[in-house]
Amino acid sequence: RQEQQILVNLLSKAEHHDGYDLVKDMTFAPDRKLSGDLYLPPAKWTTPLPAVLIIHGGAWVFGSKHDPGEVALAEELAKHGYGAFCTDYRLIKEWGLYPESIKDVNDAYGFLIRNSDTFGFDKERIGVFGASAGGLLALMVAYAPHTGQFEPILYQNIKQKPKAAACCVPVTDIRNTELTWIIKYMDDTPWHNPELYAEASPVTYAKSACPTICIHGID
């Protein structure tokens, strides 16, 4: 109840922008100093809103909830009647190696589910978006079990999974990768530990996938 009151107080201090409201730095994992920015429609609504968890890219080396592309998406979603939560997660320099960053984003998702009534969200209509490395994380939130090595640290026993996933240039299968930035994140090589790479690939869990769109392009 104390956490709920803190969130209510934060919501009451939302910044008002042209077409959306913004609540900055909502802490969802104080043990790791992780927070997200919450974007909301400006008008009061009478029915629970659909919402999207937005996960930035950056090869697990850089990037944040303030990345321009993710911010622009969150603003547009709020202007069109959705809630959006741009989240941070631990990068490699913050010991965010596999699978720790997956635990982080699962906690961000659990934070939205646990507090959906406070935010005015429909917990049965929460989706996830990610770009590049964030796309892999988004698909792991949507597809993989939130148990075992992926179990969130704080928000355990959340039964609802995302209802939809949308990703830009996501990494969906790393089993035979030679990309150095993925190998750095995995802290091992696919030829030395192929089981680990299969475990970290969203394609492994495709049979439990929710409705998904993956957007790619060519040079």
Protein backbone atom coordinates (compact mmCIF):
# COMPACT_ATOMS: atom_id res chain seq x y z
CA ARG A 1 0.00 0.00 0.00
CA GLN A 2 2.94 2.29 0.66
CA GLU A 3 4.22 1.71 -2.88
CA GLN A 4 0.75 2.44 -4.26
CA GLN A 5 0.55 5.74 -2.38
CA ILE A 6 3.98 6.75 -3.68
CA LEU A 7 2.82 6.05 -7.24
CA VAL A 8 -0.42 7.99 -6.74
CA ASN A 9 1.62 10.95 -5.52
CA LEU A 10 3.87 10.74 -8.57
CA LEU A 11 0.89 10.57 -10.93
CA SER A 12 -0.54 13.72 -9.35
CA LYS A 13 2.67 15.56 -10.28
CA ALA A 14 2.70 14.55 -13.95
CA GLU A 15 4.17 17.01 -16.43
CA HIS A 16 1.60 18.27 -18.93
CA HIS A 17 2.76 18.38 -22.54
CA ASP A 18 1.05 18.98 -25.85
CA GLY A 19 -1.13 15.89 -26.24
CA TYR A 20 0.24 13.76 -23.41
CA ASP A 21 1.22 13.68 -19.74
CA LEU A 22 4.59 12.44 -18.49
CA VAL A 23 5.66 11.01 -15.14
CA LYS A 24 9.45 10.78 -15.06
CA ASP A 25 11.65 8.33 -13.20
CA MET A 26 9.16 5.89 -11.74
CA THR A 27 11.39 3.46 -9.85
CA PHE A 28 10.41 -0.16 -10.33
CA ALA A 29 13.59 -1.86 -9.06
CA PRO A 30 15.18 0.21 -6.29
CA ASP A 31 17.66 -2.57 -5.56
CA ARG A 32 19.17 -1.97 -9.04
CA LYS A 33 18.30 1.73 -9.28
CA LEU A 34 16.12 1.07 -12.34
CA SER A 35 13.26 3.32 -13.38
CA GLY A 36 11.05 4.13 -16.32
CA ASP A 37 9.13 7.10 -17.71
CA LEU A 38 5.35 6.79 -17.87
CA TYR A 39 3.44 8.45 -20.73
CA LEU A 40 -0.33 8.90 -20.47
CA PRO A 41 -3.16 10.50 -22.46
CA PRO A 42 -3.85 14.00 -21.14
CA ALA A 43 -7.59 13.63 -20.59
CA LYS A 44 -9.27 11.64 -17.87
CA TRP A 45 -10.54 8.29 -19.10
CA THR A 46 -13.36 6.11 -17.81
CA THR A 47 -12.23 2.68 -19.05
CA PRO A 48 -8.85 0.98 -18.47
CA LEU A 49 -6.27 1.80 -21.12
CA PRO A 50 -4.17 -0.55 -23.21
CA ALA A 51 -0.47 0.02 -22.58
CA VAL A 52 2.94 -0.77 -24.06
CA LEU A 53 6.26 -1.53 -22.37
CA ILE A 54 8.99 0.08 -24.52
CA ILE A 55 12.55 -1.31 -24.40
CA HIS A 56 15.42 0.60 -25.98
CA GLY A 57 18.26 -0.89 -28.03
CA GLY A 58 21.98 -0.19 -27.98
CA ALA A 59 23.75 -3.57 -28.06
CA TRP A 60 23.51 -3.74 -24.24
CA VAL A 61 26.34 -1.18 -24.22
CA PHE A 62 24.53 2.15 -24.56
CA GLY A 63 21.04 3.60 -24.79
CA SER A 64 18.40 4.55 -22.25
CA LYS A 65 14.71 5.26 -21.74
CA HIS A 66 15.46 8.74 -23.15
CA ASP A 67 16.43 7.50 -26.64
CA PRO A 68 14.68 9.71 -29.22
CA GLY A 69 12.98 6.91 -31.14
CA GLU A 70 11.49 5.32 -28.07
CA VAL A 71 10.42 8.67 -26.64
CA ALA A 72 8.72 9.63 -29.92
CA LEU A 73 6.86 6.32 -29.96
CA ALA A 74 5.72 6.74 -26.35
CA GLU A 75 4.48 10.26 -27.05
CA GLU A 76 2.48 9.12 -30.07
CA LEU A 77 0.97 6.20 -28.19
CA ALA A 78 -0.17 8.50 -25.37
CA LYS A 79 -1.63 10.97 -27.87
CA HIS A 80 -3.68 8.12 -29.33
CA GLY A 81 -5.09 6.80 -26.06
CA TYR A 82 -2.45 4.33 -24.88
CA GLY A 83 -0.25 4.21 -21.85
CA ALA A 84 3.48 3.72 -22.47
CA PHE A 85 6.34 2.91 -20.13
CA CYS A 86 9.88 3.51 -21.42
CA THR A 87 12.13 1.40 -19.26
CA ASP A 88 15.80 1.22 -18.45
CA TYR A 89 17.64 -2.03 -17.74
CA ARG A 90 21.18 -2.85 -16.70
CA LEU A 91 23.78 -2.52 -19.43
CA ILE A 92 26.92 -4.64 -19.61
CA LYS A 93 28.94 -2.05 -17.69
CA GLU A 94 26.32 -2.35 -14.92
CA TRP A 95 26.59 -6.15 -14.82
CA GLY A 96 23.68 -6.50 -17.18
CA LEU A 97 25.07 -9.61 -18.86
CA TYR A 98 22.73 -12.40 -19.91
CA PRO A 99 20.28 -13.20 -18.36
CA GLU A 100 20.26 -10.26 -15.93
CA SER A 101 18.82 -7.73 -18.38
CA ILE A 102 15.95 -10.13 -19.11
CA LYS A 103 15.16 -10.24 -15.39
CA ASP A 104 15.19 -6.44 -15.41
CA VAL A 105 12.65 -6.06 -18.21
CA ASN A 106 10.51 -8.83 -16.71
CA ASP A 107 10.46 -6.75 -13.53
CA ALA A 108 9.45 -3.67 -15.54
CA TYR A 109 6.60 -5.67 -17.07
CA GLY A 110 5.61 -7.02 -13.66
CA PHE A 111 5.60 -3.46 -12.31
CA LEU A 112 3.02 -2.48 -14.94
CA ILE A 113 0.85 -5.52 -14.25
CA ARG A 114 1.02 -5.19 -10.47
CA ASN A 115 0.12 -1.47 -10.60
CA SER A 116 -2.25 -1.52 -13.55
CA ASP A 117 -5.24 -0.42 -11.47
CA THR A 118 -3.30 2.54 -10.08
CA PHE A 119 -2.22 3.59 -13.58
CA GLY A 120 -5.65 3.00 -15.11
CA PHE A 121 -4.35 0.20 -17.37
CA ASP A 122 -6.09 -2.94 -18.56
CA LYS A 123 -3.69 -5.69 -17.49
CA GLU A 124 -5.16 -7.94 -20.18
CA ARG A 125 -4.14 -5.47 -22.91
CA ILE A 126 -0.48 -4.77 -22.25
CA GLY A 127 1.99 -5.27 -25.09
CA VAL A 128 5.72 -4.85 -25.53
CA PHE A 129 7.95 -3.06 -28.03
CA GLY A 130 11.72 -3.19 -28.54
CA ALA A 131 14.35 -2.23 -31.08
CA SER A 132 17.52 -4.17 -31.95
CA ALA A 133 18.88 -5.63 -28.69
CA GLY A 134 15.73 -4.26 -27.07
CA GLY A 135 13.79 -6.30 -29.60
CA LEU A 136 15.38 -9.50 -28.30
CA LEU A 137 14.51 -8.46 -24.76
CA ALA A 138 10.94 -7.60 -25.77
CA LEU A 139 10.44 -10.98 -27.42
CA MET A 140 11.90 -12.77 -24.42
CA VAL A 141 9.41 -10.92 -22.18
CA ALA A 142 6.60 -11.97 -24.51
CA TYR A 143 7.67 -15.53 -25.32
CA ALA A 144 9.93 -17.05 -22.67
CA PRO A 145 8.74 -18.22 -19.25
CA HIS A 146 9.15 -15.76 -16.39
CA THR A 147 10.65 -18.53 -14.28
CA GLY A 148 14.03 -20.14 -13.69
CA GLN A 149 16.89 -18.08 -15.07
CA PHE A 150 14.41 -15.44 -16.34
CA GLU A 151 12.43 -15.03 -13.13
CA PRO A 152 12.02 -11.37 -12.17
CA ILE A 153 13.74 -10.42 -8.95
CA LEU A 154 10.88 -8.40 -7.44
CA TYR A 155 7.67 -9.02 -9.40
CA GLN A 156 7.29 -12.77 -9.24
CA ASN A 157 4.14 -14.85 -9.73
CA ILE A 158 2.76 -12.61 -12.48
CA LYS A 159 0.56 -14.85 -14.60
CA GLN A 160 -0.34 -12.49 -17.45
CA LYS A 161 2.00 -12.43 -20.44
CA PRO A 162 2.08 -9.60 -23.01
CA LYS A 163 -0.80 -9.80 -25.46
CA ALA A 164 1.23 -8.55 -28.43
CA ALA A 165 4.79 -7.73 -29.41
CA ALA A 166 6.16 -5.29 -31.99
CA CYS A 167 9.87 -4.95 -32.76
CA CYS A 168 12.17 -3.03 -35.09
CA VAL A 169 15.19 -4.96 -36.38
CA PRO A 170 15.02 -7.43 -33.49
CA VAL A 171 17.59 -10.14 -32.87
CA THR A 172 15.47 -13.28 -32.95
CA ASP A 173 18.01 -16.11 -33.26
CA ILE A 174 21.56 -15.89 -31.92
CA ARG A 175 22.40 -19.60 -32.03
CA ASN A 176 25.02 -19.26 -34.77
CA THR A 177 25.96 -15.64 -34.37
CA GLU A 178 29.43 -14.25 -34.96
CA LEU A 179 28.50 -10.76 -33.83
CA THR A 180 31.00 -9.62 -31.23
CA TRP A 181 28.51 -7.44 -29.35
CA ILE A 182 26.22 -10.42 -28.77
CA ILE A 183 29.13 -12.61 -27.70
CA LYS A 184 30.16 -9.92 -25.23
CA TYR A 185 26.64 -9.82 -23.81
CA MET A 186 26.49 -13.62 -23.52
CA ASP A 187 29.98 -13.78 -21.95
CA ASP A 188 30.57 -16.98 -23.92
CA THR A 189 30.64 -18.16 -27.53
CA PRO A 190 28.00 -20.11 -29.44
CA TRP A 191 30.51 -22.76 -30.47
CA HIS A 192 31.55 -23.30 -26.85
CA ASN A 193 28.08 -23.16 -25.30
CA PRO A 194 25.38 -23.69 -27.96
CA GLU A 195 22.77 -24.60 -25.34
CA LEU A 196 23.14 -21.18 -23.72
CA TYR A 197 22.65 -19.43 -27.05
CA ALA A 198 19.56 -21.49 -27.80
CA GLU A 199 18.20 -20.61 -24.37
CA ALA A 200 18.70 -16.88 -25.09
CA SER A 201 17.08 -16.95 -28.57
CA PRO A 202 13.44 -15.86 -28.82
CA VAL A 203 12.92 -18.31 -31.69
CA THR A 204 13.33 -21.15 -29.18
CA TYR A 205 10.04 -20.10 -27.57
CA ALA A 206 8.12 -19.33 -30.76
CA LYS A 207 5.47 -21.96 -30.04
CA SER A 208 4.30 -19.87 -27.09
CA ALA A 209 4.42 -16.59 -29.03
CA CYS A 210 1.76 -13.91 -28.82
CA PRO A 211 0.69 -11.96 -31.95
CA THR A 212 3.92 -10.38 -33.20
CA ILE A 213 5.17 -8.01 -35.87
CA CYS A 214 8.90 -7.70 -36.61
CA ILE A 215 9.97 -4.85 -38.86
CA HIS A 216 13.23 -5.15 -40.82
CA GLY A 217 14.77 -3.27 -43.70
CA ILE A 218 17.64 -3.47 -46.17
CA ASP A 219 20.39 -1.00 -47.00
